[in-house]
Protein backbone atom coordinates (compact mmCIF):
# COMPACT_ATOMS: atom_id res chain seq x y z
CA UNK A 1 79.76 225.05 96.33
CA UNK A 2 78.54 225.26 99.85
CA UNK A 3 79.66 222.80 102.27
CA UNK A 4 77.29 220.53 103.96
CA UNK A 5 78.03 219.40 107.51
CA UNK A 6 74.83 219.44 109.85
CA UNK A 7 71.57 220.46 108.91
CA UNK A 8 68.55 221.36 111.33
CA UNK A 9 65.54 221.76 109.12
CA UNK A 10 61.76 221.78 108.77
CA UNK A 11 60.86 218.06 107.10
CA UNK A 12 58.24 217.81 104.19
CA UNK A 13 56.64 214.39 103.09
CA UNK A 14 55.94 213.70 99.52
CA UNK A 15 55.16 210.10 99.57
CA UNK A 16 55.50 209.48 95.89
CA UNK A 17 57.72 207.02 94.07
CA UNK A 18 59.21 207.23 90.61
CA UNK A 19 59.27 211.08 90.45
CA UNK A 20 61.11 211.78 87.44
CA UNK A 21 63.03 214.79 86.62
CA UNK A 22 60.43 216.42 84.51
CA UNK A 23 58.14 216.71 87.42
CA UNK A 24 60.76 217.75 89.64
CA UNK A 25 61.46 220.70 87.17
CA UNK A 26 59.19 220.93 83.96
CA UNK A 27 61.44 221.28 80.49
CA UNK A 28 59.88 224.89 80.02
CA UNK A 29 62.12 225.96 82.81
CA UNK A 30 65.48 224.66 81.06
CA UNK A 31 65.98 227.62 79.19
CA UNK A 32 68.45 228.96 81.42
CA UNK A 33 72.28 227.86 82.63
CA UNK A 34 71.77 230.04 85.83
CA UNK A 35 70.90 228.52 89.35
CA UNK A 36 69.03 231.17 90.59
CA UNK A 37 65.41 231.58 89.71
CA UNK A 38 64.60 227.83 89.14
CA UNK A 39 62.55 227.70 92.38
CA UNK A 40 59.81 228.87 90.52
CA UNK A 41 59.34 225.77 88.48
CA UNK A 42 60.08 223.37 91.19
CA UNK A 43 57.21 220.64 91.01
CA UNK A 44 55.23 223.03 89.23
CA UNK A 45 52.31 220.60 88.24
CA UNK A 46 52.28 219.79 91.82
CA UNK A 47 52.51 223.05 93.08
CA UNK A 48 50.10 224.88 90.71
CA UNK A 49 46.81 224.76 88.88
CA UNK A 50 46.33 225.23 85.28
CA UNK A 51 45.93 228.72 85.99
CA UNK A 52 48.77 229.47 88.06
CA UNK A 53 47.32 229.34 91.32
CA UNK A 54 48.82 227.47 94.13
CA UNK A 55 47.42 224.11 94.98
CA UNK A 56 46.71 224.48 98.65
CA UNK A 57 46.81 220.65 99.53
CA UNK A 58 50.21 220.34 98.01
CA UNK A 59 52.58 219.63 100.93
CA UNK A 60 54.99 222.47 99.98
CA UNK A 61 52.19 225.02 99.35
CA UNK A 62 50.88 223.94 103.14
CA UNK A 63 51.61 226.89 105.93
CA UNK A 64 53.25 224.06 108.36
CA UNK A 65 55.65 222.88 105.40
CA UNK A 66 56.77 226.39 104.19
CA UNK A 67 60.45 227.04 104.09
CA UNK A 68 61.54 222.88 104.45
CA UNK A 69 64.96 222.31 103.90
CA UNK A 70 64.60 218.76 103.94
CA UNK A 71 62.51 216.38 101.45
CA UNK A 72 61.47 212.52 102.50
CA UNK A 73 60.10 210.79 99.44
CA UNK A 74 59.49 207.51 98.01
CA UNK A 75 61.60 205.21 95.69
CA UNK A 76 63.42 206.10 93.01
CA UNK A 77 63.69 209.65 92.96
CA UNK A 78 64.82 211.61 90.30
CA UNK A 79 64.45 209.17 87.35
CA UNK A 80 63.79 210.02 83.81
CA UNK A 81 66.16 212.45 81.76
CA UNK A 82 69.42 213.61 83.09
CA UNK A 83 69.15 217.49 84.15
CA UNK A 84 71.38 219.33 86.71
CA UNK A 85 68.27 221.91 86.74
CA UNK A 86 66.82 219.45 89.13
CA UNK A 87 69.37 219.71 92.24
CA UNK A 88 69.49 223.16 91.09
CA UNK A 89 65.62 223.72 91.87
CA UNK A 90 65.58 221.93 94.88
CA UNK A 91 68.17 224.10 96.13
CA UNK A 92 66.99 227.32 94.95
CA UNK A 93 63.76 226.55 96.74
CA UNK A 94 65.65 226.19 99.89
CA UNK A 95 65.93 222.22 100.10
CA UNK A 96 69.43 221.04 101.15
CA UNK A 97 68.79 217.32 101.44
CA UNK A 98 66.28 214.53 100.16
CA UNK A 99 65.70 211.38 101.96
CA UNK A 100 64.38 208.24 99.98
CA UNK A 101 64.75 204.61 100.03
CA UNK A 102 66.70 204.82 96.45
CA UNK A 103 67.41 207.27 93.78
CA UNK A 104 68.16 207.43 90.01
CA UNK A 105 71.93 206.92 89.60
CA UNK A 106 72.32 209.92 87.33
CA UNK A 107 70.33 212.28 89.77
CA UNK A 108 71.99 210.78 92.66
CA UNK A 109 75.73 211.86 91.25
CA UNK A 110 74.23 215.06 90.10
CA UNK A 111 73.27 216.10 93.86
CA UNK A 112 76.92 215.45 94.98
CA UNK A 113 77.99 218.10 92.22
CA UNK A 114 75.95 220.47 93.38
CA UNK A 115 75.76 220.30 97.28
CA UNK A 116 72.48 218.63 97.68
CA UNK A 117 72.71 215.85 99.86
CA UNK A 118 70.71 212.67 98.75
CA UNK A 119 70.15 210.02 101.72
CA UNK A 120 69.14 206.65 101.43
CA UNK A 121 67.56 204.89 104.44
CA UNK A 122 65.44 201.90 104.78
CA UNK A 123 61.83 201.82 103.86
CA UNK A 124 60.97 201.46 107.49
CA UNK A 125 62.90 204.38 108.52
CA UNK A 126 61.37 206.77 105.78
CA UNK A 127 58.34 205.54 106.46
CA UNK A 128 58.65 206.56 109.98
CA UNK A 129 59.79 209.97 108.87
CA UNK A 130 57.11 210.64 106.91
CA UNK A 131 54.41 209.77 109.45
CA UNK A 132 56.42 211.97 112.22
CA UNK A 133 56.54 214.94 109.15
CA UNK A 134 52.76 214.48 109.11
CA UNK A 135 52.34 215.32 112.91
CA UNK A 136 53.10 218.47 114.44
CA UNK A 137 56.65 218.76 115.08
CA UNK A 138 58.54 218.79 111.65
CA UNK A 139 62.05 219.67 112.55
CA UNK A 140 64.76 217.02 111.77
CA UNK A 141 68.85 216.96 111.94
CA UNK A 142 70.37 215.50 109.49
CA UNK A 143 74.26 215.25 110.41
CA UNK A 144 76.87 214.25 107.49
CA UNK A 145 79.70 213.92 109.62
CA UNK A 146 78.09 211.48 111.99
CA UNK A 147 75.76 209.91 109.07
CA UNK A 148 72.59 209.90 110.61
CA UNK A 149 69.20 211.71 110.55
CA UNK A 150 67.53 212.37 113.84
CA UNK A 151 63.76 212.26 113.46
CA UNK A 152 61.54 214.82 115.01
CA UNK A 153 60.83 212.54 117.72
CA UNK A 154 64.27 211.76 118.31
CA UNK A 155 64.90 208.81 116.67
CA UNK A 156 68.35 208.37 114.90
CA UNK A 157 68.57 206.55 111.69
CA UNK A 158 72.43 205.93 110.46
CA UNK A 159 72.78 206.06 106.68
CA UNK A 160 75.79 205.15 104.37
CA UNK A 161 78.14 207.49 102.07
CA UNK A 162 80.72 206.81 99.92
CA UNK A 163 83.87 208.38 101.75
CA UNK A 164 85.20 210.72 99.06
CA UNK A 165 82.02 212.35 98.45
CA UNK A 166 81.37 212.87 102.07
CA UNK A 167 84.93 214.57 102.35
CA UNK A 168 83.97 216.81 99.10
CA UNK A 169 80.50 217.51 100.39
CA UNK A 170 81.77 218.48 104.14
CA UNK A 171 84.59 220.78 102.37
CA UNK A 172 82.52 222.16 99.40
CA UNK A 173 84.01 220.81 96.70
CA UNK A 174 82.68 220.22 93.37
CA UNK A 175 84.95 218.85 90.62
CA UNK A 176 86.42 222.35 89.77
CA UNK A 177 86.97 222.71 93.52
CA UNK A 178 88.82 219.50 94.08
CA UNK A 179 91.08 220.32 90.95
CA UNK A 180 91.90 223.70 92.28
CA UNK A 181 93.23 222.04 95.64
CA UNK A 182 96.20 220.96 93.12
CA UNK A 183 96.21 224.60 91.91
CA UNK A 184 99.94 225.20 93.05
CA UNK A 185 100.98 221.79 91.46
CA UNK A 186 99.53 223.00 88.25
CA UNK A 187 101.13 226.19 88.05
CA UNK A 188 104.68 224.55 88.84
CA UNK A 189 103.74 221.97 86.05
CA UNK A 190 102.78 224.62 83.16
CA UNK A 191 105.72 226.94 84.29
CA UNK A 192 108.24 223.53 83.58
CA UNK A 193 106.13 222.96 80.38
CA UNK A 194 106.67 226.48 78.98
CA UNK A 195 110.37 226.32 79.69
CA UNK A 196 110.89 222.72 78.16
CA UNK A 197 108.24 223.20 75.44
CA UNK A 198 107.96 226.91 74.24
CA UNK A 199 106.56 226.09 71.18
CA UNK A 200 103.55 224.93 72.66
CA UNK A 201 102.86 228.09 74.28
CA UNK A 202 102.27 229.79 70.73
CA UNK A 203 99.69 226.86 69.47
């Protein structure tokens, strides 16, 4: 998993609440377990019409928000069914951070397991970011070490994050990576077990 430390990126506003995982990545795109290639399905029904043509008024289709790396959105983002494809699709599209007033629990947890940073800010702060993102300057800075978001105009908003999750994000550790930090101890244990209980090796 790629480490997340500090991100300078374009900010895109999506002022909608209760965006569920089927809206983030519709069910027809869940036939793969690969993380690459899911960008095409991200917000598909928002981005495309019935003929598969881009809707020019959708924020991520607008020229000024192309290649956005941060999404600021409404309450309860990522609700609905559990699917890791949702953070995968966002990241494959190039979005590394989502800012909202609240997230659905399962989506929030999946973000940390896949390197996507979910940032919770107060409603007034989210609204301020939305307003600024609609203006001419769209660049924002998200600093995980400092736990701050710096708006396009230079306003600084602090956010809270679990210390253990923060550390793993800074180091780029998912559940497997975290386990592999103890690889030496695991090898020693397995070698000792093989000597003490050799019959288990044949099981």
